[in-house]
Amino acid sequence: MNADRPPLTILVDADACPVKEEIYRVAERYRAHVAVVSNAPFRVPQSPRIRRVVVSDAFDAADDWIAEEAVRAAPRCVVVTADILLAERCLKAGARVIAHNGRPFDSASIGGAIATRAIMADLRAGMDGPLGASGGGPPPFARADRSRFLQALDRELVALSK
């Protein structure tokens, strides 16, 4: 890595992230710095490049921290989140963004993702019965999702390393 360039940085929206262990392994390979951001403390590996950031439980506190940090780290930053609105904020800051299932968010896809999110919220709000409040949730996280995530993270870090 060129000493004049900022380090590769991975910002993790960690509260519901099922691929934290994978992120740590990939980050070690690329010597990337990792910020694991959550509302509650949990164990992270002992490493000078991995830091745990515990924010308040205020609404969007983790999102706000990540978005602000993405502005600073944007030229060499990957944000891992499934939160579409946070993804949009980070893209506007210049960061690269992927979901924990490997789905990339970019300027071409974020508008459609936001529109779909709004439509689904409207549908859930209008539903009566057992699914009205929960909406059923996302499909279960699968081995293929983990594999897609690892490929996507590797692809983004390779691109930022050039």
Protein backbone atom coordinates (compact mmCIF):
# COMPACT_ATOMS: atom_id res chain seq x y z
CA MET A 1 0.00 0.00 0.00
CA ASN A 2 1.22 3.48 -0.84
CA ALA A 3 2.05 5.35 2.36
CA ASP A 4 0.57 8.57 0.95
CA ARG A 5 -2.88 7.05 0.44
CA PRO A 6 -5.39 6.66 3.26
CA PRO A 7 -5.98 3.08 4.40
CA LEU A 8 -8.76 0.96 2.98
CA THR A 9 -11.68 1.24 5.37
CA ILE A 10 -14.69 -1.00 5.90
CA LEU A 11 -17.57 0.50 7.87
CA VAL A 12 -19.98 -2.14 9.17
CA ASP A 13 -23.59 -1.50 10.15
CA ALA A 14 -23.17 -4.31 12.63
CA ASP A 15 -26.32 -4.79 14.70
CA ALA A 16 -27.92 -7.25 12.27
CA CYS A 17 -24.89 -8.11 10.11
CA PRO A 18 -24.40 -11.88 9.67
CA VAL A 19 -21.01 -11.60 7.93
CA LYS A 20 -18.82 -9.88 10.51
CA GLU A 21 -16.38 -12.81 10.78
CA GLU A 22 -15.97 -12.83 7.00
CA ILE A 23 -15.29 -9.09 7.02
CA TYR A 24 -12.54 -9.52 9.62
CA ARG A 25 -10.82 -12.23 7.54
CA VAL A 26 -10.99 -10.28 4.27
CA ALA A 27 -9.87 -7.06 5.99
CA GLU A 28 -6.80 -8.82 7.36
CA ARG A 29 -5.85 -9.96 3.85
CA TYR A 30 -6.07 -6.38 2.52
CA ARG A 31 -4.74 -4.75 5.70
CA ALA A 32 -7.95 -2.71 5.76
CA HIS A 33 -9.23 -0.84 8.78
CA VAL A 34 -12.64 -1.90 10.07
CA ALA A 35 -15.13 0.05 12.18
CA VAL A 36 -17.85 -2.18 13.60
CA VAL A 37 -20.70 0.17 14.51
CA SER A 38 -23.57 -0.90 16.76
CA ASN A 39 -25.97 0.24 19.45
CA ALA A 40 -24.76 -2.44 21.88
CA PRO A 41 -21.26 -3.73 22.63
CA PHE A 42 -20.12 -7.12 21.41
CA ARG A 43 -16.82 -8.86 20.94
CA VAL A 44 -14.53 -7.98 18.06
CA PRO A 45 -11.11 -9.49 17.31
CA GLN A 46 -8.05 -7.93 18.94
CA SER A 47 -6.38 -6.05 16.11
CA PRO A 48 -4.97 -2.57 15.73
CA ARG A 49 -7.02 -2.23 12.54
CA ILE A 50 -10.40 -3.29 13.99
CA ARG A 51 -12.34 -1.01 16.28
CA ARG A 52 -15.69 -1.37 17.92
CA VAL A 53 -17.82 1.78 17.88
CA VAL A 54 -20.80 1.72 20.24
CA VAL A 55 -23.23 4.56 19.64
CA SER A 56 -26.27 5.57 21.67
CA ASP A 57 -29.57 3.81 21.14
CA ALA A 58 -31.03 7.00 19.67
CA PHE A 59 -32.89 6.55 16.39
CA ASP A 60 -30.39 6.36 13.49
CA ALA A 61 -27.35 6.95 15.75
CA ALA A 62 -25.38 4.16 14.06
CA ASP A 63 -26.45 5.32 10.60
CA ASP A 64 -25.44 8.90 11.38
CA TRP A 65 -22.00 7.82 12.63
CA ILE A 66 -21.39 5.63 9.57
CA ALA A 67 -22.55 8.32 7.12
CA GLU A 68 -20.31 10.94 8.73
CA GLU A 69 -17.32 8.59 8.74
CA ALA A 70 -18.02 7.65 5.10
CA VAL A 71 -17.54 11.29 4.13
CA ARG A 72 -14.04 11.24 5.64
CA ALA A 73 -13.03 7.80 4.36
CA ALA A 74 -14.93 7.84 1.05
CA PRO A 75 -12.09 7.62 -1.46
CA ARG A 76 -11.12 4.18 -0.11
CA CYS A 77 -14.19 3.10 1.84
CA VAL A 78 -16.65 0.22 1.64
CA VAL A 79 -19.81 0.36 3.74
CA VAL A 80 -21.59 -2.89 4.59
CA THR A 81 -25.27 -2.35 5.30
CA ALA A 82 -28.70 -3.65 4.37
CA ASP A 83 -30.23 -0.25 5.20
CA ILE A 84 -31.20 1.31 1.87
CA LEU A 85 -31.43 4.87 3.19
CA LEU A 86 -28.00 4.58 4.82
CA ALA A 87 -26.66 3.14 1.56
CA GLU A 88 -27.94 6.21 -0.27
CA ARG A 89 -26.26 8.57 2.21
CA CYS A 90 -22.95 6.73 1.90
CA LEU A 91 -23.10 6.65 -1.90
CA LYS A 92 -23.63 10.41 -1.90
CA ALA A 93 -20.51 10.70 0.29
CA GLY A 94 -18.52 8.79 -2.34
CA ALA A 95 -18.22 5.43 -0.55
CA ARG A 96 -18.86 2.05 -2.12
CA VAL A 97 -21.74 0.15 -0.55
CA ILE A 98 -22.71 -3.52 -0.44
CA ALA A 99 -25.38 -5.37 1.48
CA HIS A 100 -24.49 -8.35 3.66
CA ASN A 101 -25.91 -10.66 0.97
CA GLY A 102 -23.46 -9.28 -1.62
CA ARG A 103 -25.96 -7.01 -3.36
CA PRO A 104 -24.10 -3.89 -4.48
CA PHE A 105 -25.71 -0.50 -4.12
CA ASP A 106 -24.64 2.08 -6.68
CA SER A 107 -25.97 5.24 -8.28
CA ALA A 108 -27.83 3.20 -10.89
CA SER A 109 -29.59 0.90 -8.42
CA ILE A 110 -30.26 3.03 -5.35
CA GLY A 111 -33.26 4.90 -6.75
CA GLY A 112 -35.07 1.66 -7.57
CA ALA A 113 -34.19 0.21 -4.17
CA ILE A 114 -35.62 3.26 -2.42
CA ALA A 115 -38.79 3.14 -4.51
CA THR A 116 -39.27 -0.58 -3.80
CA ARG A 117 -38.73 0.07 -0.09
CA ALA A 118 -41.41 2.76 -0.12
CA ILE A 119 -43.88 0.54 -2.00
CA MET A 120 -43.31 -2.35 0.40
CA ALA A 121 -43.78 -0.05 3.41
CA ASP A 122 -47.08 1.16 1.93
CA LEU A 123 -48.22 -2.40 1.28
CA ARG A 124 -47.35 -3.48 4.81
CA ALA A 125 -49.12 -0.46 6.27
CA GLY A 126 -52.28 -1.33 4.35
CA MET A 127 -52.33 -5.00 5.25
CA ASP A 128 -54.69 -6.42 7.83
CA GLY A 129 -54.04 -9.69 9.59
CA PRO A 130 -50.96 -11.50 10.83
CA LEU A 131 -48.50 -10.10 8.26
CA GLY A 132 -49.63 -6.50 8.52
CA ALA A 133 -47.21 -5.57 11.29
CA SER A 134 -44.26 -7.77 10.37
CA GLY A 135 -44.54 -8.12 6.61
CA GLY A 136 -42.91 -11.54 6.82
CA GLY A 137 -39.35 -10.20 6.73
CA PRO A 138 -36.50 -10.98 4.36
CA PRO A 139 -35.71 -14.51 3.24
CA PRO A 140 -33.34 -16.51 5.48
CA PHE A 141 -29.64 -15.82 5.02
CA ALA A 142 -28.16 -18.63 2.94
CA ARG A 143 -24.71 -20.02 2.12
CA ALA A 144 -25.03 -18.54 -1.38
CA ASP A 145 -25.58 -15.09 0.18
CA ARG A 146 -22.36 -15.47 2.18
CA SER A 147 -20.46 -16.48 -0.95
CA ARG A 148 -21.87 -13.54 -2.95
CA PHE A 149 -20.92 -11.19 -0.12
CA LEU A 150 -17.32 -12.44 -0.01
CA GLN A 151 -17.00 -12.04 -3.79
CA ALA A 152 -18.51 -8.54 -3.68
CA LEU A 153 -16.30 -7.37 -0.80
CA ASP A 154 -13.19 -8.75 -2.48
CA ARG A 155 -14.16 -7.07 -5.78
CA GLU A 156 -14.66 -3.68 -4.07
CA LEU A 157 -11.39 -3.87 -2.12
CA VAL A 158 -9.44 -4.86 -5.23
CA ALA A 159 -10.92 -1.88 -7.10
CA LEU A 160 -10.08 0.51 -4.24
CA SER A 161 -6.53 -0.87 -3.99
CA LYS A 162 -5.63 0.22 -7.50
